[in-house]
Amino acid sequence: QVQLVESGGGLVQAGGSLRLSCAASEYTSNYTMAWFRQAPGKEREFVAAISRSGGKTYFTDSVKGRFTSSRDSAKNTVHLQMNSLKPEDTAVYYCAATPYGATWPALLLDGLYRYWGQGTQVTVSS
């Protein structure tokens, strides 16, 4: 069973940046990795995903042009670089992994992902 541990969350002012990391207990290249978020009172939503090779990334429309995702295969880690943060980005961010080489739009489905991290809080103040 893969264990995922997120880090890098925190409090930042609007317009600022944060870099989230997700450390896995085994090779992340075996998994499609994704980020979801859940704001208070809202359902969990897809944010971004990166293919097993790292060659393809996917983003929800609200973060396109602001967020990027990358892999560090040597460290079994994936990152979510978040720039130009907005108050509406405030949420708990979760890392997730699936052994399937999924593509859009299947990536949006949280039921696709077998493994989840515990989440890291991101708060963007206005």
Foldseek 3Di string as FASTA:
>chain_A
DKAKAKDWADEEAAQAKIKMKIAIPDFQLLWWKFKWWDDPPGDIWTAKIAFSVRPDMDGDPVQPPFWDKGDDRVRNMIMIIGGRDDQVVWTWMKMFIASDRDDPPVVGDPVRTDYIYPTDTHGYHD
